[in-house]
Amino acid sequence: MPRPPQVVDATGSSWRRVAPAMFMVAWGGNHFSPLLLLYREVERYSAVQVDLFFAFYVLGLVPGFLLTGPVSDRLGRRPLVVAALVLGVVGSVVLALGSASPVALCAGRFVSGVSVATAMVAGTTWVKELSAAAPPGLRARRAALTLTVGFGLGAAVGAALAQWGPAPTLLPYAVQVALSLVAAVPLLGSSETRPRGALPARPLREELHLPAASRTRFLRVVVPMAPWVFGAPALAFVVGPALVAGRTAGQTVAFAGLAAVVTLTAGAVVQPLVPRLARLVAGRQAVVGLVLVAVATALLAVDVSLRSVALALVAAALLGAAYGICILTGLVETQALADPERVAGLTGVYYSLIYVGFVLPVVLSELVAVAPEPFLLVAVAVVCLGCAAAVERGLRSTRTPA
C-alpha cells in the first residue's frame, strides 16, 4: 500500500508554525506544578488531595498518549494539535475558577493531561514529518526542545506570578490562556502532512504495532530508560524543594519554580550536545543519562541531613541534564524503530512509558512511613543503576536502528 503524502521541509521553517502551539500546551501542563505549594498554603489542601490532583493529570495523559496517534493518522495532525491547544485553554480556565474546589482542580488537571498528551504525540509526529529533509536527530530535537522550554517557562512564570503577582490563583492561568490564543495564529497557515482518510481504519492494536525486527531493541533499550526521563525532573521538582522547604520559608513557591527552571534549562542546553556525546561514548548516551540520575539522587539522599539549598540545585541541574539526554535518545530510537506509517502510535507508547516516572515522588511519600527517606533515595539510585546496566546489555545485544 502506498504511503500517504508528506510535506518535505525544504526551507527548514515549516515546523515553526507548529512549535508555538506545542510550547503553550507544555506551558499549560507544567505551570500547575509550583502552584501545588500555594494551594497547600492558601486552600489548606492535604498531601493526599495534592496527590489526587496529580493522579487525575496522569489519568488524562494515558488515553491521550494511546489514542492520539491512531486518531491523528486518520484525521490529520493539525486538528489534533488545534484540539490540544483548545483543551489547554479549557483546563486553565477550570483551574483558575475552581481553586477552592478539589473536584474542579481534578477536572482541570484531567483536561490538561489530555491536552498535553495530544500535543506531545500529534505535535512531535507533525514536526518530524515537516522536517523530513533534516537529519533524524534534528527532527527529534526540534520537538523535544520545544516541549522542554515550554515545560520550563510554564513553571518559571507560573511560580513567579504566584509568588509575587496579584491574584496568585488566577493570573498564571490568565497569562497562559492569552498566549495560547496568540500561538493559535501560526497554525492557520501550517501544512498538513497526513490528510484525512489517507490511511484505512485499523484496530488500535495494529496502530500501536512494533515491527518484529525492532521489538527486542525497544524492550531492552527504550523501556528500561523511559521511566527515568520524567522520573528525573519529578525528583528535582518535588523531592528537592521539599527537602529544603525549611530554608526557603516565605519563598517556597518561588524556589519550586527555580528548581524547575534549573532542571529544564539544563535539559534544554544539553540536547544539542547529545549527538556529540553519542559519538564520544559510542552510542551509550542513555547509560550516561541514567548514571547522572543515580548520582543526583544520591546527592538528594545526602541533602536529607544537610538541607542545603545549593546542593538541591546542583542535583536539579544533574537531573535536568539526564532528562535532556534520555528524552532525546528515546525519541530518536522510537522514531527509528517504528513502522513509518505508525510513528505517531509508537510515539504515544513511548510518552506513556516516560510519564510513569512522574509517580516516583508519590511512591516515595507513601513509603517514607515505613523506611527512612535517605534509605529510599539510595534505593532509587541503585535501581536506576540497575536500569543503566540493563540498557548497556541491550545496546550490546541489539542492532542500532537506521
Protein backbone atom coordinates (compact mmCIF):
# COMPACT_ATOMS: atom_id res chain seq x y z
CA MET A 1 0.00 0.00 0.00
CA PRO A 2 1.49 3.43 -0.88
CA ARG A 3 2.45 5.67 1.99
CA PRO A 4 0.43 8.85 2.48
CA PRO A 5 1.98 12.01 1.13
CA GLN A 6 4.16 14.10 3.40
CA VAL A 7 5.32 17.68 3.12
CA VAL A 8 9.09 17.94 2.89
CA ASP A 9 10.56 20.83 4.84
CA ALA A 10 12.62 22.27 2.04
CA THR A 11 13.05 25.66 3.75
CA GLY A 12 13.65 24.27 7.24
CA SER A 13 10.96 26.53 8.71
CA SER A 14 7.56 24.81 8.29
CA TRP A 15 7.77 23.19 11.72
CA ARG A 16 7.99 26.61 13.36
CA ARG A 17 4.29 27.17 12.75
CA VAL A 18 3.55 24.14 14.93
CA ALA A 19 6.09 24.85 17.67
CA PRO A 20 4.23 27.75 19.39
CA ALA A 21 1.15 25.59 19.98
CA MET A 22 3.25 22.73 21.37
CA PHE A 23 5.15 25.21 23.51
CA MET A 24 2.00 26.69 25.04
CA VAL A 25 0.39 23.32 25.70
CA ALA A 26 3.56 22.22 27.52
CA TRP A 27 3.48 25.52 29.43
CA GLY A 28 -0.11 24.81 30.47
CA GLY A 29 0.78 21.30 31.59
CA ASN A 30 3.57 22.36 33.94
CA HIS A 31 2.63 25.78 35.34
CA PHE A 32 0.47 23.95 37.88
CA SER A 33 3.46 22.14 39.46
CA PRO A 34 4.93 25.02 41.54
CA LEU A 35 1.40 26.15 42.46
CA LEU A 36 0.84 22.97 44.46
CA LEU A 37 2.69 24.52 47.40
CA LEU A 38 0.50 27.62 47.09
CA TYR A 39 -2.68 25.54 47.17
CA ARG A 40 -1.48 23.74 50.28
CA GLU A 41 -0.86 27.09 51.99
CA VAL A 42 -3.89 29.07 50.77
CA GLU A 43 -6.58 26.41 50.38
CA ARG A 44 -5.18 24.06 53.05
CA TYR A 45 -5.25 21.01 50.81
CA SER A 46 -3.76 17.86 52.30
CA ALA A 47 -0.92 15.83 50.78
CA VAL A 48 -3.49 13.19 49.78
CA GLN A 49 -5.54 15.77 47.87
CA VAL A 50 -2.44 17.12 46.13
CA ASP A 51 -1.52 13.57 45.08
CA LEU A 52 -5.09 13.22 43.76
CA PHE A 53 -4.66 16.29 41.54
CA PHE A 54 -1.58 14.69 40.07
CA ALA A 55 -3.35 11.34 39.64
CA PHE A 56 -6.09 12.95 37.54
CA TYR A 57 -3.46 14.59 35.35
CA VAL A 58 -1.97 11.15 34.69
CA LEU A 59 -5.46 9.75 34.02
CA GLY A 60 -5.80 12.32 31.27
CA LEU A 61 -2.37 11.61 29.85
CA VAL A 62 -2.77 7.86 29.34
CA PRO A 63 -5.74 7.84 26.91
CA GLY A 64 -4.29 10.87 25.17
CA PHE A 65 -0.99 9.12 24.54
CA LEU A 66 -2.52 5.87 23.34
CA LEU A 67 -5.33 7.25 21.18
CA THR A 68 -3.87 10.43 19.67
CA GLY A 69 -1.53 8.62 17.28
CA PRO A 70 -4.19 6.47 15.59
CA VAL A 71 -6.72 9.31 15.52
CA SER A 72 -4.22 11.79 14.03
CA ASP A 73 -3.28 9.20 11.38
CA ARG A 74 -6.93 9.20 10.24
CA LEU A 75 -7.97 12.83 10.80
CA GLY A 76 -4.66 14.62 10.29
CA ARG A 77 -2.10 16.25 12.57
CA ARG A 78 -3.48 19.80 12.55
CA PRO A 79 -6.95 19.00 14.00
CA LEU A 80 -5.36 17.17 16.92
CA VAL A 81 -2.88 19.95 17.73
CA VAL A 82 -5.68 22.53 17.50
CA ALA A 83 -7.77 20.37 19.84
CA ALA A 84 -4.83 20.15 22.26
CA LEU A 85 -4.48 23.93 22.32
CA VAL A 86 -8.22 24.38 22.94
CA LEU A 87 -8.21 21.78 25.72
CA GLY A 88 -5.22 23.50 27.30
CA VAL A 89 -7.21 26.75 27.47
CA VAL A 90 -10.27 24.94 28.88
CA GLY A 91 -8.13 23.23 31.52
CA SER A 92 -6.57 26.53 32.61
CA VAL A 93 -9.97 28.24 32.86
CA VAL A 94 -11.33 25.42 35.04
CA LEU A 95 -8.25 25.51 37.28
CA ALA A 96 -8.38 29.30 37.60
CA LEU A 97 -12.06 29.41 38.56
CA GLY A 98 -12.00 26.28 40.73
CA SER A 99 -9.04 26.76 43.06
CA ALA A 100 -11.28 26.33 46.12
CA SER A 101 -12.84 23.10 44.81
CA PRO A 102 -10.93 19.80 44.81
CA VAL A 103 -13.40 18.45 42.23
CA ALA A 104 -12.73 21.36 39.87
CA LEU A 105 -8.97 21.01 40.26
CA CYS A 106 -9.19 17.29 39.49
CA ALA A 107 -11.30 18.02 36.41
CA GLY A 108 -8.97 20.77 35.25
CA ARG A 109 -5.92 18.59 35.65
CA PHE A 110 -7.59 15.76 33.76
CA VAL A 111 -8.33 18.05 30.81
CA SER A 112 -4.77 19.42 30.98
CA GLY A 113 -3.43 15.87 30.85
CA VAL A 114 -5.41 15.06 27.70
CA SER A 115 -4.21 18.34 26.17
CA VAL A 116 -0.52 17.70 26.88
CA ALA A 117 -0.62 14.10 25.67
CA THR A 118 -2.39 15.08 22.45
CA ALA A 119 0.10 17.84 21.66
CA MET A 120 3.10 15.70 22.50
CA VAL A 121 2.10 12.81 20.23
CA ALA A 122 0.50 14.63 17.28
CA GLY A 123 2.85 17.62 17.53
CA THR A 124 6.03 15.55 17.74
CA THR A 125 4.98 13.45 14.75
CA TRP A 126 3.94 16.54 12.80
CA VAL A 127 7.28 18.27 13.45
CA LYS A 128 9.11 15.12 12.35
CA GLU A 129 7.12 14.95 9.11
CA LEU A 130 7.55 18.65 8.39
CA SER A 131 11.30 18.18 8.91
CA ALA A 132 11.68 15.26 6.52
CA ALA A 133 14.75 16.81 4.89
CA ALA A 134 16.56 17.20 8.22
CA PRO A 135 18.71 14.51 9.92
CA PRO A 136 16.73 12.20 12.26
CA GLY A 137 18.39 13.57 15.38
CA LEU A 138 17.49 17.13 14.45
CA ARG A 139 13.86 16.19 13.78
CA ALA A 140 13.52 14.71 17.26
CA ARG A 141 15.47 17.56 18.87
CA ARG A 142 13.14 20.22 17.45
CA ALA A 143 10.13 18.63 19.14
CA ALA A 144 11.94 17.74 22.38
CA LEU A 145 13.40 21.23 22.81
CA THR A 146 10.06 22.91 22.12
CA LEU A 147 8.39 20.81 24.81
CA THR A 148 11.28 21.22 27.27
CA VAL A 149 11.35 25.00 27.01
CA GLY A 150 7.56 25.12 27.32
CA PHE A 151 7.58 22.99 30.46
CA GLY A 152 10.38 25.12 31.92
CA LEU A 153 8.93 28.56 31.20
CA GLY A 154 5.49 27.45 32.31
CA ALA A 155 6.85 26.50 35.72
CA ALA A 156 9.03 29.62 35.97
CA VAL A 157 6.39 32.16 35.01
CA GLY A 158 3.68 30.38 36.99
CA ALA A 159 5.83 30.35 40.13
CA ALA A 160 6.86 34.00 39.75
CA LEU A 161 3.29 35.20 39.24
CA ALA A 162 2.02 33.10 42.13
CA GLN A 163 4.79 34.26 44.48
CA TRP A 164 4.86 37.98 43.71
CA GLY A 165 1.91 38.83 41.44
CA PRO A 166 -1.65 39.82 42.26
CA ALA A 167 -4.39 37.19 42.28
CA PRO A 168 -1.91 34.29 42.52
CA THR A 169 -4.50 31.59 41.83
CA LEU A 170 -5.81 33.40 38.74
CA LEU A 171 -3.04 35.33 37.00
CA PRO A 172 -0.79 32.37 35.99
CA TYR A 173 -3.70 30.78 34.14
CA ALA A 174 -4.82 34.06 32.53
CA VAL A 175 -1.34 34.57 31.05
CA GLN A 176 -1.29 31.03 29.64
CA VAL A 177 -4.73 31.44 28.08
CA ALA A 178 -3.77 34.74 26.42
CA LEU A 179 -0.53 33.37 24.99
CA SER A 180 -2.31 30.23 23.76
CA LEU A 181 -4.61 32.39 21.66
CA VAL A 182 -1.54 34.01 20.12
CA ALA A 183 0.01 30.59 19.45
CA ALA A 184 -3.10 29.56 17.50
CA VAL A 185 -2.42 32.12 14.75
CA PRO A 186 0.58 30.36 13.10
CA LEU A 187 -1.41 27.13 12.91
CA LEU A 188 -3.75 28.74 10.38
CA GLY A 189 -1.02 28.62 7.73
CA SER A 190 0.54 25.31 8.70
CA SER A 191 0.96 22.43 6.22
CA GLU A 192 -0.93 19.19 6.87
CA THR A 193 1.23 16.08 6.45
CA ARG A 194 -1.45 13.42 6.95
CA PRO A 195 -4.64 14.30 5.02
CA ARG A 196 -7.92 12.98 6.39
CA GLY A 197 -8.59 9.45 5.18
CA ALA A 198 -5.03 8.88 3.90
CA LEU A 199 -4.93 5.58 5.79
CA PRO A 200 -7.69 2.97 6.22
CA ALA A 201 -9.14 2.45 9.68
CA ARG A 202 -7.28 -0.21 11.64
CA PRO A 203 -7.76 -1.75 15.11
CA LEU A 204 -5.90 0.03 17.90
CA ARG A 205 -3.63 -2.99 18.40
CA GLU A 206 -2.42 -2.68 14.81
CA GLU A 207 -1.93 1.07 15.13
CA LEU A 208 0.42 0.51 18.10
CA HIS A 209 2.23 -2.34 16.35
CA LEU A 210 6.01 -2.52 16.62
CA PRO A 211 7.87 -4.33 13.81
CA ALA A 212 9.23 -7.68 14.96
CA ALA A 213 12.76 -6.70 13.95
CA SER A 214 12.60 -3.66 16.25
CA ARG A 215 10.85 -5.22 19.24
CA THR A 216 13.90 -6.54 21.07
CA ARG A 217 15.77 -3.25 20.95
CA PHE A 218 12.72 -1.29 22.08
CA LEU A 219 12.20 -3.62 25.04
CA ARG A 220 15.85 -3.78 26.06
CA VAL A 221 16.96 -0.20 25.43
CA VAL A 222 13.98 2.16 25.40
CA VAL A 223 11.77 0.55 28.05
CA PRO A 224 14.36 0.38 30.92
CA MET A 225 15.32 4.01 30.28
CA ALA A 226 11.90 5.54 29.66
CA PRO A 227 10.51 5.93 33.22
CA TRP A 228 13.62 7.86 34.27
CA VAL A 229 13.04 10.50 31.58
CA PHE A 230 10.39 12.21 33.73
CA GLY A 231 11.41 10.46 36.93
CA ALA A 232 14.46 12.76 36.92
CA PRO A 233 12.60 16.10 36.79
CA ALA A 234 9.98 14.75 39.20
CA LEU A 235 12.73 14.27 41.78
CA ALA A 236 14.05 17.77 41.06
CA PHE A 237 10.62 19.49 41.13
CA VAL A 238 9.10 17.73 44.12
CA VAL A 239 11.67 15.99 46.34
CA GLY A 240 14.43 18.63 46.21
CA PRO A 241 12.23 21.64 47.14
CA ALA A 242 10.51 19.61 49.89
CA LEU A 243 13.88 18.78 51.46
CA VAL A 244 14.87 22.45 51.80
CA ALA A 245 11.41 23.92 52.49
CA GLY A 246 12.59 25.00 55.95
CA ARG A 247 15.38 27.06 54.39
CA THR A 248 13.09 28.80 51.86
CA ALA A 249 10.30 29.90 54.19
CA GLY A 250 8.17 32.58 52.58
CA GLN A 251 9.62 31.83 49.15
CA THR A 252 8.66 28.19 48.77
CA VAL A 253 6.67 28.66 45.57
CA ALA A 254 9.45 30.72 44.01
CA PHE A 255 12.07 28.12 44.91
CA ALA A 256 9.96 25.33 43.44
CA GLY A 257 9.81 27.36 40.24
CA LEU A 258 13.57 27.97 40.37
CA ALA A 259 14.22 24.24 40.74
CA ALA A 260 12.03 23.59 37.68
CA VAL A 261 13.86 26.28 35.69
CA VAL A 262 17.30 24.93 36.60
CA THR A 263 16.20 21.39 35.72
CA LEU A 264 14.64 22.17 32.37
CA THR A 265 17.28 24.74 31.38
CA ALA A 266 19.93 22.06 31.86
CA GLY A 267 17.73 19.69 29.84
CA ALA A 268 17.39 22.21 27.01
CA VAL A 269 21.08 23.13 26.97
CA VAL A 270 22.28 19.53 26.82
CA GLN A 271 20.01 18.36 23.99
CA PRO A 272 22.00 19.94 21.12
CA LEU A 273 25.11 18.28 22.58
CA VAL A 274 23.64 14.77 22.65
CA PRO A 275 24.88 13.79 19.15
CA ARG A 276 28.44 14.74 20.15
CA LEU A 277 28.06 12.84 23.42
CA ALA A 278 26.80 9.82 21.47
CA ARG A 279 29.99 9.82 19.40
CA LEU A 280 32.19 10.18 22.50
CA VAL A 281 30.56 7.24 24.32
CA ALA A 282 29.99 5.06 21.25
CA GLY A 283 26.20 5.32 21.36
CA ARG A 284 25.87 4.79 25.12
CA GLN A 285 24.45 8.23 25.92
CA ALA A 286 21.37 6.65 27.54
CA VAL A 287 23.65 4.92 30.04
CA VAL A 288 25.32 8.26 30.80
CA GLY A 289 21.92 9.83 31.42
CA LEU A 290 20.87 7.08 33.83
CA VAL A 291 24.14 7.31 35.75
CA LEU A 292 23.54 11.06 36.15
CA VAL A 293 20.10 10.31 37.62
CA ALA A 294 21.66 7.90 40.12
CA VAL A 295 24.36 10.41 41.15
CA ALA A 296 21.84 13.23 41.59
CA THR A 297 19.51 11.01 43.62
CA ALA A 298 22.42 10.11 45.90
CA LEU A 299 23.05 13.84 46.39
CA LEU A 300 19.42 14.27 47.42
CA ALA A 301 19.90 11.44 49.93
CA VAL A 302 22.80 13.37 51.44
CA ASP A 303 20.72 16.55 51.45
CA VAL A 304 18.13 14.93 53.71
CA SER A 305 20.59 15.68 56.53
CA LEU A 306 22.24 18.85 55.18
CA ARG A 307 19.09 20.64 53.96
CA SER A 308 21.33 22.60 51.59
CA VAL A 309 19.62 24.79 49.00
CA ALA A 310 22.77 24.82 46.86
CA LEU A 311 23.03 21.02 46.87
CA ALA A 312 19.37 20.70 45.89
CA LEU A 313 20.01 22.98 42.90
CA VAL A 314 23.13 21.01 41.88
CA ALA A 315 21.05 17.83 41.97
CA ALA A 316 18.36 19.59 39.90
CA ALA A 317 20.93 20.55 37.25
CA LEU A 318 22.22 16.97 37.02
CA LEU A 319 18.68 15.60 36.84
CA GLY A 320 17.87 18.12 34.11
CA ALA A 321 20.90 17.07 32.07
CA ALA A 322 19.86 13.44 32.47
CA TYR A 323 16.32 14.30 31.36
CA GLY A 324 17.60 16.08 28.24
CA ILE A 325 19.86 13.19 27.25
CA CYS A 326 17.27 10.50 27.84
CA ILE A 327 14.18 12.13 26.31
CA LEU A 328 16.01 12.88 23.06
CA THR A 329 17.72 9.49 22.91
CA GLY A 330 14.45 7.65 23.49
CA LEU A 331 12.58 9.74 20.92
CA VAL A 332 15.22 9.18 18.24
CA GLU A 333 15.27 5.42 18.97
CA THR A 334 11.47 5.15 18.95
CA GLN A 335 11.00 7.03 15.70
CA ALA A 336 13.75 4.99 14.03
CA LEU A 337 12.28 1.68 15.22
CA ALA A 338 8.67 2.43 14.28
CA ASP A 339 6.91 1.45 11.09
CA PRO A 340 6.83 4.72 9.04
CA GLU A 341 3.03 4.53 8.89
CA ARG A 342 2.72 4.08 12.66
CA VAL A 343 5.22 6.58 14.03
CA ALA A 344 2.54 8.53 15.90
CA GLY A 345 1.18 5.43 17.64
CA LEU A 346 4.57 4.23 18.88
CA THR A 347 5.50 7.78 19.89
CA GLY A 348 2.41 7.72 22.12
CA VAL A 349 3.55 4.44 23.68
CA TYR A 350 6.97 5.95 24.37
CA TYR A 351 5.48 9.05 26.01
CA SER A 352 3.20 6.82 28.12
CA LEU A 353 6.27 5.00 29.41
CA ILE A 354 8.22 8.15 30.25
CA TYR A 355 5.36 9.65 32.26
CA VAL A 356 5.41 6.62 34.57
CA GLY A 357 8.39 8.34 36.20
CA PHE A 358 6.21 11.16 37.49
CA VAL A 359 4.68 8.81 40.08
CA LEU A 360 8.07 8.38 41.76
CA PRO A 361 7.63 11.20 44.32
CA VAL A 362 4.16 9.86 45.18
CA VAL A 363 5.59 6.40 45.80
CA LEU A 364 8.37 7.85 47.96
CA SER A 365 5.90 9.90 50.01
CA GLU A 366 3.91 6.75 50.75
CA LEU A 367 6.97 4.66 51.63
CA VAL A 368 8.54 7.25 53.93
CA ALA A 369 6.24 6.00 56.70
CA VAL A 370 7.96 2.62 56.66
CA ALA A 371 11.58 3.49 55.75
CA PRO A 372 13.90 6.49 56.26
CA GLU A 373 14.00 8.95 53.37
CA PRO A 374 17.77 8.65 52.80
CA PHE A 375 17.42 4.87 52.50
CA LEU A 376 14.60 5.25 49.97
CA LEU A 377 16.60 7.68 47.83
CA VAL A 378 19.67 5.45 47.88
CA ALA A 379 17.42 2.55 46.84
CA VAL A 380 16.13 4.64 43.92
CA ALA A 381 19.72 5.34 42.88
CA VAL A 382 20.56 1.64 43.00
CA VAL A 383 17.50 0.71 40.91
CA CYS A 384 18.47 3.39 38.38
CA LEU A 385 21.99 1.94 38.10
CA GLY A 386 20.41 -1.47 37.52
CA CYS A 387 18.42 0.02 34.64
CA ALA A 388 21.63 1.56 33.28
CA ALA A 389 23.24 -1.89 33.30
CA ALA A 390 20.20 -3.35 31.53
CA VAL A 391 20.37 -0.64 28.84
CA GLU A 392 24.10 -1.32 28.39
CA ARG A 393 23.38 -5.02 27.84
CA GLY A 394 20.57 -4.14 25.44
CA LEU A 395 22.83 -1.88 23.40
CA ARG A 396 25.45 -4.62 23.09
CA SER A 397 22.96 -7.32 22.12
CA THR A 398 20.83 -5.45 19.56
CA ARG A 399 21.42 -3.70 16.27
CA THR A 400 21.36 0.08 16.03
CA PRO A 401 18.28 1.24 14.04
CA ALA A 402 18.84 3.02 10.76
